[in-house]
Amino acid sequence: MGVYVLSTLAASAVLLAVQPHSGIDPAALSLVQFAPALGALTTWLMFRKTIAGLRPAAISARRVRTNILTMVVLCATLWLLITMAALISGTAIAGPATVGGLPFAVFVLLQLLGAGGEEIGWRGLMQPILESRMARFTAISMTGATWALWHVQALAAGPVAAACFLISAMAFAIVLGYLSNGSFRQRVLTASIGHWLINIAVNLVAGDNTLGQPQVVFVAVVAAFIAAGVLVYTHRTRVERVPPSTPRLRLGGRHDGRVSVVGEYGRVAQQQDRSATFELIRVLSDPAVSAAARDEVGDVLERLGDVRAAAPLAAIGLDRDRPAEVRQVALRVLENSAMCPEGARWRAWWNAGDDLVRGCLLRQAERTEADLLEPVARDPHHPLYRHALTGIEFGFEEPRWQQYKIQGLDHPDPGVRRTAAEVLYWEEPVAAEQALHRAADDRDTGVACAAIETLRCYQSRATLRLLHEIAQGVDERADAARDSKDDLLGSFQCEQRSIPSWLAPVADLLGPPEFDAATSGGASVPDTRELIVPVAAQIFSTYSDPDGAWAPRLDALHSYHWIGVPTAGRVGLATFLSGHPDPQVRALSCRALSTWHEADLLLALAHDPDMSVRKSAVYYLRFVPRSHEIATITWDLVASGEVAGTRGYEALATCAAHTPPGELDDRLIELARADFRESIRAEAVSQLAHRIEPVLPVLTESPLVTWAVHIRILSACREQGLRPPGTGTLRDVDNLDLAVALAGFDDVSGAHQPL
């Protein structure tokens, strides 16, 4: 921050010297107004990498418009009140007069440029950086004080004028600071418009003599009145604070390099008490804190999930001058709290060339970063190979990605082998089963146990037999095998009556068939949960406070009875929730938006900067009235290849819900036949249940990843009363789910025919 202030002062001195030679009357446009922008540019050039991680997240365009409209209303109120004060006191009003020899209209345009030059530095750079280190009110106050003192000419205008100007500047800093939210551009836009309108309002009353009396007194009084209103409104909505009588969590105070904690980390984590966020960050960043204490603080910060922590944690993680162990914990918190950058910021961090940061980025990479992720994932000799394997655990389901995971099982580093075994758990590729069998006998116990844990998902007789044999031992592997075997055994025992011949080779492990409790006719337990209809005023106040316990607030968003909200209150609630700064709130609000058929807001959230919000919005768009626009957007998303896994099949299901029956069939057939994404193929088959014949040849093909597509086709055949062709080969496959899907079909070959 010191660099910004010093460079702004230096630029101010230069511009003041240039002004007399510019030919521009300072009454019309003071060149020194561009000094904060030059100071911001200098700071950006010197600390670009650090500042890139501190940039605040964008907010919705609707919220920006609301802030600007509020700013316009407040500035109009300022002009009206100081005009009334001048009229009552008999003070002359300047009105729209010529300024510096220029028409008033030109003066107005020049003032917009000048206001923008200032706000690039004050509200665009300085305030957001301070907000990453302290509470917002403190950041606004410090920015306002610096801004006020920068106007040195006002301090030399006499004690009354100086005092009134300081009051006005601090008051305007509160108005501009609280209403300027969102990204750098959004903040600069809102603050520039407000700053501009304030200058015009004051000029319309005082003209060039803005520090003259009594005008300067009128402006100070009215500005203080408006700022007080902004503060009252802001703080009136901040409820659920810890009462003064309640002991606050106090962190800090070192003793022998360890953190002395008075309070309970467990309580903070359980309640997600975000009042402790910034103090926890302070402790985490202290190099004198022990590794164990820092890890514990990191665990708590992960549970808090406070989006305000993203900027300061990013600053710590990107700072190469800090100890590596401090940076690692900060990056871990960002990673496990889903606060790592996406898109352009992800690539900006990558391009910095810091392997510590790159490891974190690889573990959180999306499909849009596949061009940088894949070269690492396919190179077992790359120093970041293990991180790349972790990154492709979810959402990278095509066969080539599965092969990268499988080859990791043969890596000389046991840490890599263990990671490879772990990341195969989710997709369960058929091609990995034999390699996992070998890994279950790995010389490293950690690798063996990881492979055994993953094998619980492989429902084959060979795997069940292997786990049974390993479970006969007395070591850690045997313990892991018993757990996996018990889990797998339950699935096999449920099918003893439906496929007894197929299960015969492992009948000795299953025991006699158990009585099916489902046929006993037991009564179901009714759902007696109370339906809670949220009240708009309560939602506004509860979710406007960034501090306090957030666990109950987020839980409430899961359970609210949104359909019961009166129609008149839905628009305000929908706007508030969809524009909330916390992505968890935006994601959870999608259910409410869908219930109220707020398709436009859901479409906006489908392009949210946060992936979890985009996923939730696309899912809940499925339940709003049919729309060609939604069908087009979701199809384009599927066709782009940017989504796979859960996000992929949810997008395709939403597209199908918004497409007239039959219109999507040809594209679904092509997906089912030729797409390399397993989830997309399986969902395409499910959506084609009424026209399954064109994809029946897939039954004669080997699986790309798993048997899921074959099982979906067999299920569709059963529903349509069709006998699938060539099931003889499939009956030889060692897979429980496939055997169950085949039960009831005769072993025939040739063309399909009705049952």
Foldseek 3Di string as FASTA:
>chain_A
DVQLLVQLLVLLVVQVVCVVVPPADVQLPRSSLLSLVRSLVVVCVVPVQLVLQLWAAAFDPVLLVVLLVVLVVLLVVLLVQLQVVCVVVVHFWQAQCATRNHGSVSSLVNLLVSLLSNCCRLQLRQLSVVLLQDPNLVSLQVSLQSVLVSPVVQVPPDDVLSVLSSLLSSLLSLSLSVSQDGGSVSSSVSRSSSSSSNVVSLCRGQNSPSSDPPSSVSSSVSSNVSSVVSVCVLVVLADQDDDPVDDDWDWADDDQLAIDTDDDLVVCLVLLFCVCVNVLLVQLQDPSHDLVRNLSSLVSLLSNLQLSNSSNLSSLLLDPVGDPSSNLSSLVSCLSSLNDADDPSLVSSVVVPDVSSVLSSLLQDFPVCCVVLVVLLQDLPDPSNLSNLNNCLPFVQFLVNLVSLLVQCVRPDLSSNLSSLQSCLPQVFPVNVVSLLVQLVDPDPSSNLSSLLSLLPFQFPVSLVSLVVLLVDDDPSVVSSVVSNVSSLVVVLVCCVQCVPLCVVVDVVNDDRDDDPVPVPDDDDDDPDDAAADDLSNCSSHQSHSGGRCPVVLVCLQRHPLLPDDPVRLVVSLSPQCRRSRLSSNLSCLQNCLSVLVLVSLVVQCPGSRPSSVLSSLLSLLRHPADPVLLVVLVCVLVVSRGADPSNLSSVSSNLSNDPPPPCLVVLLCCLADPSGPSSNLSSLLSCLVPLQSNLVCCVPDDRTDCSNVLSSLVSCVVVQKQRAQCPVVCPDRGDSSVSSCRPHDRHHDHMDGD
